[in-house]
N, C-alpha and C. Protein backbone atom coordinates (compact mmCIF):
# COMPACT_ATOMS: atom_id res chain seq x y z
N UNK A 1 146.62 290.45 243.79
CA UNK A 1 146.48 289.88 242.54
C UNK A 1 146.81 290.53 241.30
N UNK A 2 147.45 289.65 240.27
CA UNK A 2 147.65 290.35 239.26
C UNK A 2 146.71 290.53 238.29
N UNK A 3 146.99 291.19 237.11
CA UNK A 3 145.56 291.35 236.11
C UNK A 3 145.67 289.75 235.37
N UNK A 4 146.59 289.22 235.07
CA UNK A 4 146.64 288.07 234.47
C UNK A 4 146.05 286.81 235.52
N UNK A 5 146.33 287.07 236.53
CA UNK A 5 145.52 285.92 237.71
C UNK A 5 144.08 286.19 237.76
N UNK A 6 143.52 287.37 237.60
CA UNK A 6 142.14 287.87 237.69
C UNK A 6 141.72 287.23 236.54
N UNK A 7 142.05 287.52 235.22
CA UNK A 7 141.83 287.03 233.85
C UNK A 7 141.59 285.55 234.00
N UNK A 8 142.85 284.96 234.57
CA UNK A 8 142.64 283.44 234.61
C UNK A 8 141.65 282.77 235.23
N UNK A 9 141.15 283.75 236.32
CA UNK A 9 140.08 282.81 237.06
C UNK A 9 139.01 283.15 236.49
N UNK A 10 138.69 284.00 236.03
CA UNK A 10 137.49 284.50 235.27
C UNK A 10 137.60 283.46 234.01
N UNK A 11 138.45 283.37 233.04
CA UNK A 11 138.35 282.81 231.92
C UNK A 11 138.48 281.23 232.25
N UNK A 12 139.19 280.65 233.08
CA UNK A 12 139.12 279.22 233.23
C UNK A 12 137.69 278.35 232.98
N UNK A 13 136.75 279.24 233.76
CA UNK A 13 135.57 278.48 233.70
C UNK A 13 134.45 278.85 232.58
N UNK A 14 135.25 279.27 231.49
CA UNK A 14 134.50 279.83 230.31
C UNK A 14 135.34 279.48 229.01
N UNK A 15 135.69 278.24 229.05
CA UNK A 15 136.60 277.76 227.83
C UNK A 15 137.64 278.42 227.38
N UNK A 16 138.46 279.07 228.78
CA UNK A 16 139.55 280.04 228.48
C UNK A 16 139.28 281.08 228.05
N UNK A 17 138.17 281.55 227.85
CA UNK A 17 138.04 282.89 226.93
C UNK A 17 137.55 284.00 227.90
N UNK A 18 137.82 285.14 227.49
CA UNK A 18 137.73 286.65 228.38
C UNK A 18 137.37 287.48 227.12
N UNK A 19 136.49 288.06 227.39
CA UNK A 19 135.93 289.43 226.24
C UNK A 19 136.64 290.77 226.89
N UNK A 20 137.04 291.44 226.27
CA UNK A 20 137.20 293.07 226.62
C UNK A 20 136.14 293.63 227.47
N UNK A 21 134.95 293.36 227.04
CA UNK A 21 134.04 294.14 227.96
C UNK A 21 133.98 293.26 229.33
N UNK A 22 134.06 291.98 229.14
CA UNK A 22 133.78 291.40 230.95
C UNK A 22 135.22 291.87 231.59
N UNK A 23 136.25 291.77 230.72
CA UNK A 23 137.63 291.98 231.51
C UNK A 23 137.22 293.75 232.12
N UNK A 24 136.63 294.60 231.40
CA UNK A 24 136.21 295.88 231.95
C UNK A 24 135.49 296.08 233.23
N UNK A 25 134.44 294.82 233.06
CA UNK A 25 133.61 294.76 234.19
C UNK A 25 134.54 294.28 235.56
N UNK A 26 135.23 293.59 235.46
CA UNK A 26 135.77 293.19 236.68
C UNK A 26 137.25 294.24 237.14
N UNK A 27 137.46 295.07 236.09
CA UNK A 27 138.19 296.08 236.42
C UNK A 27 139.27 296.02 235.91
N UNK A 28 139.75 295.43 234.79
CA UNK A 28 140.82 295.23 234.27
C UNK A 28 140.71 296.00 232.79
N UNK A 29 141.78 296.98 232.48
CA UNK A 29 141.59 297.79 231.30
C UNK A 29 141.92 297.17 230.27
N UNK A 30 141.45 297.49 229.12
CA UNK A 30 141.19 296.52 227.64
C UNK A 30 142.85 296.44 227.37
N UNK A 31 143.49 297.46 227.54
CA UNK A 31 145.09 297.58 227.14
C UNK A 31 145.74 296.38 227.75
N UNK A 32 145.74 296.03 228.81
CA UNK A 32 146.09 295.00 229.80
C UNK A 32 145.80 293.52 228.85
N UNK A 33 144.71 293.14 228.22
CA UNK A 33 144.63 292.18 227.44
C UNK A 33 145.42 292.11 226.24
N UNK A 34 145.65 293.58 225.82
CA UNK A 34 146.54 293.53 224.49
C UNK A 34 148.02 293.17 224.81
N UNK A 35 148.57 293.95 226.28
CA UNK A 35 149.81 293.73 226.55
C UNK A 35 150.02 292.14 226.81
N UNK A 36 149.07 291.45 227.41
CA UNK A 36 149.26 290.12 227.54
C UNK A 36 149.23 289.07 226.38
N UNK A 37 148.49 289.56 225.41
CA UNK A 37 148.56 289.01 224.08
C UNK A 37 149.94 289.00 223.39
N UNK A 38 150.46 290.43 223.51
CA UNK A 38 151.96 290.53 223.12
C UNK A 38 153.07 289.48 223.81
N UNK A 39 152.81 289.68 224.93
CA UNK A 39 153.74 288.94 225.90
C UNK A 39 153.49 287.26 225.45
N UNK A 40 152.56 286.94 224.92
CA UNK A 40 152.26 285.47 224.68
C UNK A 40 151.50 284.58 225.68
N UNK A 41 150.74 285.55 226.73
CA UNK A 41 149.92 285.06 227.94
C UNK A 41 148.57 284.50 227.39
N UNK A 42 147.86 285.51 226.25
CA UNK A 42 146.84 285.46 226.03
C UNK A 42 146.90 285.26 224.43
N UNK A 43 145.85 284.88 223.65
CA UNK A 43 145.68 284.54 222.37
C UNK A 43 144.44 285.34 221.95
N UNK A 44 144.86 286.34 220.96
CA UNK A 44 143.58 287.13 220.17
C UNK A 44 142.67 286.33 219.34
N UNK A 45 141.49 285.84 219.66
CA UNK A 45 140.60 284.98 218.73
C UNK A 45 140.13 285.92 217.62
N UNK A 46 139.65 287.19 217.83
CA UNK A 46 138.97 288.21 217.05
C UNK A 46 138.82 289.39 218.08
N UNK A 47 138.06 290.24 217.36
CA UNK A 47 137.86 291.69 217.87
C UNK A 47 137.41 291.48 219.52
N UNK A 48 137.96 291.99 220.38
CA UNK A 48 137.45 292.10 221.86
C UNK A 48 137.63 290.52 222.43
N UNK A 49 137.90 289.56 221.82
CA UNK A 49 138.05 288.26 222.50
C UNK A 49 139.53 287.68 222.59
N UNK A 50 139.71 287.09 223.68
CA UNK A 50 141.00 286.54 223.88
C UNK A 50 140.81 285.13 224.39
N UNK A 51 141.83 284.38 224.40
CA UNK A 51 141.81 283.19 224.85
C UNK A 51 143.08 283.08 225.66
N UNK A 52 142.89 282.15 226.79
CA UNK A 52 144.15 281.72 227.54
C UNK A 52 145.30 280.90 226.45
N UNK A 53 146.63 281.10 226.81
CA UNK A 53 147.28 280.31 225.73
C UNK A 53 147.31 278.93 226.63
N UNK A 54 147.57 278.99 228.00
CA UNK A 54 147.80 277.74 228.77
C UNK A 54 146.59 277.10 229.37
N UNK A 55 145.64 277.16 228.17
CA UNK A 55 144.25 276.44 228.74
C UNK A 55 144.23 274.92 227.53
N UNK A 56 144.00 273.83 228.52
CA UNK A 56 143.80 272.60 227.72
C UNK A 56 142.51 272.64 227.06
N UNK A 57 142.31 272.14 225.81
CA UNK A 57 140.89 272.10 225.58
C UNK A 57 139.87 271.22 226.10
N UNK A 58 138.92 271.45 226.19
CA UNK A 58 137.89 270.54 226.95
C UNK A 58 137.79 269.15 226.27
N UNK A 59 137.81 268.04 227.01
CA UNK A 59 137.88 266.80 226.56
C UNK A 59 136.36 266.31 225.65
N UNK A 60 135.53 267.37 225.79
CA UNK A 60 134.25 266.83 225.27
C UNK A 60 134.39 267.66 223.84
N UNK A 61 135.14 268.45 223.38
CA UNK A 61 135.50 269.21 222.02
C UNK A 61 134.40 270.38 222.01
N UNK A 62 134.12 270.90 223.11
CA UNK A 62 133.32 272.00 223.07
C UNK A 62 133.73 273.23 222.82
N UNK A 63 134.97 273.35 222.98
CA UNK A 63 135.93 274.63 222.75
C UNK A 63 135.43 275.41 221.36
N UNK A 64 135.44 274.82 220.04
CA UNK A 64 135.02 275.60 219.05
C UNK A 64 133.75 276.17 219.16
N UNK A 65 132.73 275.72 219.49
CA UNK A 65 131.41 275.97 219.87
C UNK A 65 131.37 277.16 220.67
N UNK A 66 132.12 277.20 221.95
CA UNK A 66 132.26 278.16 222.94
C UNK A 66 132.91 279.49 222.28
N UNK A 67 134.05 278.98 221.41
CA UNK A 67 134.99 280.42 220.71
C UNK A 67 133.88 281.12 219.71
N UNK A 68 133.07 280.35 219.16
CA UNK A 68 132.36 281.03 217.83
C UNK A 68 131.31 281.89 218.35
N UNK A 69 130.50 281.21 219.62
CA UNK A 69 129.55 282.14 220.00
C UNK A 69 130.07 283.39 220.42
N UNK A 70 131.46 283.52 221.50
CA UNK A 70 132.05 284.53 222.04
C UNK A 70 132.61 285.55 220.78
N UNK A 71 132.62 284.96 219.61
CA UNK A 71 133.33 285.96 218.61
C UNK A 71 132.45 286.62 218.21
N UNK A 72 130.87 286.22 217.85
CA UNK A 72 129.92 286.72 217.40
C UNK A 72 129.56 287.93 218.28
N UNK A 73 129.71 287.68 219.59
CA UNK A 73 129.33 288.80 220.79
C UNK A 73 128.08 288.51 221.58
N UNK A 74 127.78 289.79 221.94
CA UNK A 74 126.65 289.71 223.25
C UNK A 74 125.93 289.32 222.72
N UNK A 75 124.72 288.46 223.43
CA UNK A 75 123.56 287.87 222.69
C UNK A 75 123.34 286.73 221.65
N UNK A 76 124.69 286.35 221.30
CA UNK A 76 124.75 285.30 220.35
C UNK A 76 124.55 283.90 220.99
N UNK A 77 124.32 282.94 220.04
CA UNK A 77 123.89 281.35 220.86
C UNK A 77 123.99 280.72 219.94
N UNK A 78 124.34 279.37 219.99
CA UNK A 78 124.26 278.35 218.87
C UNK A 78 123.03 278.05 218.29
N UNK A 79 123.00 277.89 217.37
CA UNK A 79 121.68 277.77 216.38
C UNK A 79 121.46 276.59 215.46
N UNK A 80 120.65 275.99 215.50
CA UNK A 80 120.03 275.06 214.54
C UNK A 80 121.04 273.73 214.65
N UNK A 81 121.45 273.36 213.44
CA UNK A 81 122.54 271.90 213.29
C UNK A 81 123.56 271.90 214.14
N UNK A 82 124.20 273.15 214.59
CA UNK A 82 125.35 273.26 215.43
C UNK A 82 124.79 272.62 216.95
N UNK A 83 123.75 272.91 217.34
CA UNK A 83 123.23 272.51 218.61
C UNK A 83 122.93 271.11 218.63
N UNK A 84 122.46 270.49 217.21
CA UNK A 84 122.42 269.18 217.38
C UNK A 84 123.81 268.65 217.06
N UNK A 85 124.87 269.10 216.55
CA UNK A 85 126.13 268.73 216.44
C UNK A 85 126.88 268.52 217.95
N UNK A 86 126.64 269.69 218.56
CA UNK A 86 127.29 269.82 219.96
C UNK A 86 126.70 268.60 221.04
N UNK A 87 125.30 268.16 220.86
CA UNK A 87 124.63 266.94 221.56
C UNK A 87 124.85 265.75 221.04
N UNK A 88 125.54 265.61 219.80
CA UNK A 88 125.80 264.51 218.79
C UNK A 88 124.63 263.82 218.47
N UNK A 89 123.36 264.50 218.32
CA UNK A 89 121.95 263.71 218.01
C UNK A 89 121.90 263.15 216.54
N UNK A 90 122.69 263.90 215.77
CA UNK A 90 122.44 263.48 214.26
C UNK A 90 123.82 263.86 213.63
N UNK A 91 124.25 262.99 212.22
CA UNK A 91 125.20 263.79 211.65
C UNK A 91 125.00 265.39 210.99
N UNK A 92 125.83 265.75 210.75
CA UNK A 92 125.96 267.21 210.36
C UNK A 92 126.90 267.67 209.82
N UNK A 93 127.21 268.73 209.13
CA UNK A 93 128.56 269.15 208.54
C UNK A 93 129.17 269.75 209.61
N UNK A 94 130.28 269.02 210.15
CA UNK A 94 131.36 269.61 211.15
C UNK A 94 131.95 270.84 210.63
N UNK A 95 132.26 271.15 209.72
CA UNK A 95 133.09 272.45 209.04
C UNK A 95 132.32 273.82 209.45
N UNK A 96 131.20 273.60 209.61
CA UNK A 96 130.48 275.09 209.81
C UNK A 96 129.43 275.09 211.18
N UNK A 97 129.94 276.04 211.94
CA UNK A 97 129.05 276.34 213.25
C UNK A 97 128.24 277.63 213.02
N UNK A 98 126.95 277.35 213.41
CA UNK A 98 126.15 278.32 212.97
C UNK A 98 125.44 278.96 214.50
N UNK A 99 125.88 280.25 214.32
CA UNK A 99 125.59 281.15 215.80
C UNK A 99 124.78 282.09 215.10
N UNK A 100 123.55 282.34 215.84
CA UNK A 100 122.31 283.23 215.85
C UNK A 100 122.65 284.42 216.58
N UNK A 101 122.23 285.67 216.34
CA UNK A 101 122.45 286.69 217.20
C UNK A 101 121.18 287.87 216.66
N UNK A 102 120.95 288.51 217.71
CA UNK A 102 119.88 289.55 217.30
C UNK A 102 120.12 290.67 216.95
N UNK A 103 121.49 290.92 217.19
CA UNK A 103 122.32 292.10 216.80
C UNK A 103 122.80 291.97 215.51
N UNK A 104 123.28 293.19 214.79
CA UNK A 104 124.15 292.92 213.69
C UNK A 104 125.45 292.69 213.83
N UNK A 105 126.15 291.76 213.12
CA UNK A 105 127.57 291.40 213.21
C UNK A 105 128.44 291.56 212.08
N UNK A 106 129.06 292.68 212.41
CA UNK A 106 130.11 293.03 211.27
C UNK A 106 131.71 292.69 211.39
N UNK A 107 131.57 291.56 212.29
CA UNK A 107 133.02 291.46 212.66
C UNK A 107 133.53 290.27 211.70
N UNK A 108 135.13 290.42 211.46
CA UNK A 108 135.63 289.37 210.74
C UNK A 108 135.76 287.91 211.58
N UNK A 109 135.18 287.20 211.34
CA UNK A 109 135.19 285.91 211.79
C UNK A 109 135.82 284.73 211.38
N UNK A 110 136.21 283.49 211.79
CA UNK A 110 136.90 282.83 211.47
C UNK A 110 136.12 281.87 210.30
N UNK A 111 136.87 281.13 209.58
CA UNK A 111 136.43 280.07 208.36
C UNK A 111 135.34 279.36 209.29
N UNK A 112 134.14 279.20 208.35
CA UNK A 112 133.05 277.84 209.25
C UNK A 112 132.40 278.37 210.24
N UNK A 113 132.36 279.89 210.86
CA UNK A 113 131.27 280.45 211.34
C UNK A 113 130.39 281.04 210.72
N UNK A 114 129.07 280.59 210.73
CA UNK A 114 127.91 281.11 209.95
C UNK A 114 127.11 281.81 210.80
N UNK A 115 126.72 283.29 210.58
CA UNK A 115 126.17 283.99 211.26
C UNK A 115 124.74 284.04 210.61
N UNK A 116 123.60 283.75 211.79
CA UNK A 116 122.27 283.66 211.23
C UNK A 116 121.68 285.15 211.85
N UNK A 117 121.01 285.54 211.20
CA UNK A 117 120.41 286.98 211.81
C UNK A 117 119.03 286.45 212.71
N UNK A 118 118.71 286.69 213.75
CA UNK A 118 117.67 286.01 214.45
C UNK A 118 117.35 287.32 215.33
N UNK A 119 116.37 288.16 214.92
CA UNK A 119 115.72 289.28 215.41
C UNK A 119 114.89 288.98 216.59
N UNK A 120 113.98 287.93 216.08
CA UNK A 120 113.17 287.30 217.27
C UNK A 120 113.79 286.05 217.84
N UNK A 121 114.56 286.20 219.01
CA UNK A 121 115.26 285.23 219.71
C UNK A 121 114.16 283.96 219.78
N UNK A 122 114.68 282.74 219.84
CA UNK A 122 114.07 281.69 220.69
C UNK A 122 114.37 281.95 221.76
N UNK A 123 113.96 280.59 222.50
CA UNK A 123 114.09 280.48 223.90
C UNK A 123 115.66 280.07 224.03
N UNK A 124 116.31 280.54 224.99
CA UNK A 124 117.65 280.56 225.01
C UNK A 124 117.85 279.27 225.96
N UNK A 125 118.74 278.34 225.99
CA UNK A 125 119.24 277.43 226.91
C UNK A 125 120.72 277.35 227.22
N UNK A 126 121.26 277.27 228.12
CA UNK A 126 122.91 277.15 228.57
C UNK A 126 122.98 275.67 228.58
N UNK A 127 123.91 275.21 227.58
CA UNK A 127 124.38 273.56 227.50
C UNK A 127 125.93 273.71 227.95
N UNK A 128 126.05 273.10 229.08
CA UNK A 128 127.80 273.22 229.33
C UNK A 128 128.10 274.59 229.09
N UNK A 129 127.67 275.61 229.67
CA UNK A 129 128.00 276.97 229.76
C UNK A 129 128.24 277.77 228.10
N UNK A 130 127.40 276.87 227.29
CA UNK A 130 127.29 277.87 225.84
C UNK A 130 125.84 278.21 225.86
N UNK A 131 125.72 279.26 225.56
CA UNK A 131 124.08 279.93 225.04
C UNK A 131 123.74 279.04 223.80
N UNK A 132 122.69 278.39 223.71
CA UNK A 132 122.13 277.65 222.63
C UNK A 132 120.69 277.95 222.59
N UNK A 133 120.26 277.61 221.25
CA UNK A 133 118.84 277.76 220.91
C UNK A 133 118.45 276.12 221.78
N UNK A 134 117.11 276.31 222.06
CA UNK A 134 116.59 274.81 222.87
C UNK A 134 116.91 273.51 221.81
N UNK A 135 117.03 272.22 222.18
CA UNK A 135 117.18 271.31 221.35
C UNK A 135 115.89 271.08 220.68
N UNK A 136 114.87 271.41 220.97
CA UNK A 136 113.42 271.32 220.39
C UNK A 136 113.51 272.22 219.34
N UNK A 137 113.92 273.45 219.48
CA UNK A 137 113.85 274.43 218.70
C UNK A 137 114.86 274.23 217.61
N UNK A 138 116.03 273.78 217.95
CA UNK A 138 117.14 273.54 217.00
C UNK A 138 116.84 272.28 215.90
N UNK A 139 115.91 271.38 216.39
CA UNK A 139 115.40 270.54 215.39
C UNK A 139 114.56 270.84 214.32
N UNK A 140 113.52 271.98 215.18
CA UNK A 140 112.59 272.53 214.00
C UNK A 140 113.27 273.63 213.23
N UNK A 141 114.47 274.19 213.50
CA UNK A 141 115.32 274.98 212.82
C UNK A 141 116.03 274.17 211.59
N UNK A 142 116.17 273.00 212.05
CA UNK A 142 117.12 272.43 211.09
C UNK A 142 116.47 271.75 209.90
N UNK A 143 114.91 271.87 209.85
CA UNK A 143 114.02 271.03 209.12
C UNK A 143 114.65 271.90 207.65
N UNK A 144 114.62 271.13 206.66
CA UNK A 144 114.78 271.47 205.40
C UNK A 144 116.40 271.59 204.90
N UNK A 145 117.02 271.44 206.05
CA UNK A 145 118.78 271.46 205.70
C UNK A 145 119.28 270.02 206.07
N UNK A 146 118.83 269.31 207.11
CA UNK A 146 118.91 268.22 207.53
C UNK A 146 117.63 267.26 207.17
N UNK A 147 117.96 266.16 206.72
CA UNK A 147 116.93 265.31 206.29
C UNK A 147 116.20 264.97 207.39
N UNK A 148 114.72 264.72 207.02
CA UNK A 148 113.86 264.24 208.08
C UNK A 148 113.96 263.05 208.82
N UNK A 149 114.45 262.15 208.11
CA UNK A 149 115.04 261.01 208.91
C UNK A 149 116.02 261.34 209.76
N UNK A 150 117.21 261.88 209.61
CA UNK A 150 118.12 262.15 210.58
C UNK A 150 117.52 263.10 211.39
N UNK A 151 116.45 263.89 211.50
CA UNK A 151 115.62 264.81 212.31
C UNK A 151 114.85 263.95 213.53
N UNK A 152 114.35 262.95 212.73
CA UNK A 152 113.65 261.96 213.74
C UNK A 152 114.46 261.06 214.35
N UNK A 153 115.65 260.82 213.97
CA UNK A 153 116.89 260.25 214.84
C UNK A 153 117.23 261.01 215.95
N UNK A 154 117.23 262.37 215.64
CA UNK A 154 117.72 263.48 216.64
C UNK A 154 116.83 263.58 217.80
N UNK A 155 115.62 263.03 217.21
CA UNK A 155 114.48 263.43 218.54
C UNK A 155 114.63 262.24 219.46
N UNK A 156 114.66 260.98 218.51
CA UNK A 156 115.12 259.69 219.58
C UNK A 156 116.13 259.89 220.73
N UNK A 157 117.24 260.33 219.89
CA UNK A 157 118.20 260.48 220.75
C UNK A 157 118.11 261.44 221.81
N UNK A 158 117.80 262.74 221.56
CA UNK A 158 117.35 263.73 222.56
C UNK A 158 116.46 263.22 223.49
N UNK A 159 115.25 262.37 223.30
CA UNK A 159 114.62 261.83 224.21
C UNK A 159 115.61 260.97 225.23
N UNK A 160 116.23 260.24 224.64
CA UNK A 160 117.00 259.10 225.26
C UNK A 160 118.04 259.83 226.20
N UNK A 161 118.63 261.25 225.94
CA UNK A 161 119.44 261.63 226.50
C UNK A 161 118.88 263.00 227.58
N UNK A 162 117.39 262.84 227.64
CA UNK A 162 116.79 263.74 228.39
C UNK A 162 116.98 265.09 228.11
N UNK A 163 116.90 265.45 226.90
CA UNK A 163 117.28 266.83 226.43
C UNK A 163 115.99 267.35 226.08
N UNK A 164 114.82 266.52 225.74
CA UNK A 164 113.58 266.82 225.44
C UNK A 164 112.80 265.73 226.30
N UNK A 165 111.09 266.35 226.58
CA UNK A 165 110.53 265.46 227.21
C UNK A 165 109.89 264.42 226.00
N UNK A 166 108.59 263.46 226.54
CA UNK A 166 107.91 262.65 225.52
C UNK A 166 107.02 263.46 224.88
N UNK A 167 106.52 264.36 225.64
CA UNK A 167 105.48 265.34 224.81
C UNK A 167 105.92 266.07 223.46
N UNK A 168 107.23 266.57 223.95
CA UNK A 168 107.70 267.55 222.88
C UNK A 168 108.20 266.61 221.96
N UNK A 169 108.67 265.48 222.25
CA UNK A 169 109.12 264.39 221.15
C UNK A 169 108.03 263.98 220.26
N UNK A 170 106.82 263.75 220.68
CA UNK A 170 105.82 263.44 220.12
C UNK A 170 105.06 264.46 219.08
N UNK A 171 105.21 265.85 219.53
CA UNK A 171 104.91 267.11 218.85
C UNK A 171 106.06 267.32 217.74
N UNK A 172 107.02 267.07 217.75
CA UNK A 172 108.13 267.39 216.82
C UNK A 172 107.88 266.17 215.67
N UNK A 173 107.79 265.29 216.08
CA UNK A 173 107.74 263.94 215.18
C UNK A 173 106.32 264.04 214.48
N UNK A 174 105.44 264.42 215.01
CA UNK A 174 104.38 264.75 214.26
C UNK A 174 104.30 266.01 213.23
N UNK A 175 105.22 266.96 213.74
CA UNK A 175 105.46 268.10 212.66
C UNK A 175 106.35 267.58 211.40
N UNK A 176 107.03 266.65 211.88
CA UNK A 176 107.97 266.15 210.62
C UNK A 176 107.31 265.02 209.69
N UNK A 177 106.30 264.31 210.37
CA UNK A 177 105.59 263.49 209.46
C UNK A 177 104.45 264.04 208.72
N UNK A 178 103.90 265.34 209.47
CA UNK A 178 102.69 265.79 208.89
C UNK A 178 102.88 266.48 207.53
C-alpha cells in the first residue's frame, strides 16, 4: 500500500484531514506529506495539518469546524458559540469559529479562528467526529456574548434535538432567568 493510500484511508473518516503527528503514528514520515503536497495530492492547511485535495466537503457543512480544531492542535475543541452554530441552535456570527485549547497556541491560523485559552477544560463531547464542549456548557459559556433570548431558544432547540435532557434544560433556563 502506498503512503498516499494509507493517508487516504486515515483521512477520509476525518473530514479529509491528517496531521503530521498522526501520519508518524501510522508509520508515514512527515516528509512524505510535504512531497504529496508539492505534487498536488494534499493541501497544507497550516503547520503540520494537511487535507486531501480530492475530498468532497461534507454535505452538513462541518468541514470548517473540523479544520479549525485540527489547526489549533492536540487537545483543542470547539467552544461556546461555535458549538451552538454547529448544531444550528441559534443565530451566531458565522465569520468566527471559537476553538478552546488547554495548551498555548502560537500557530498562525486562518482568518476567523479565535483561540480561547481554557486551561481547565470542560467535559469534551465528540459530535460528528469533532471534539466539542458539551452543548450545555457551550450555552453557559455563550452567556454575555449571545443574547439571553437566543440562548433560551438554543436550550429549547437542543432539547428537541435530544442534545440535552429535561433536567439540564430546566437548570440552564433557571440560570438564564435568575
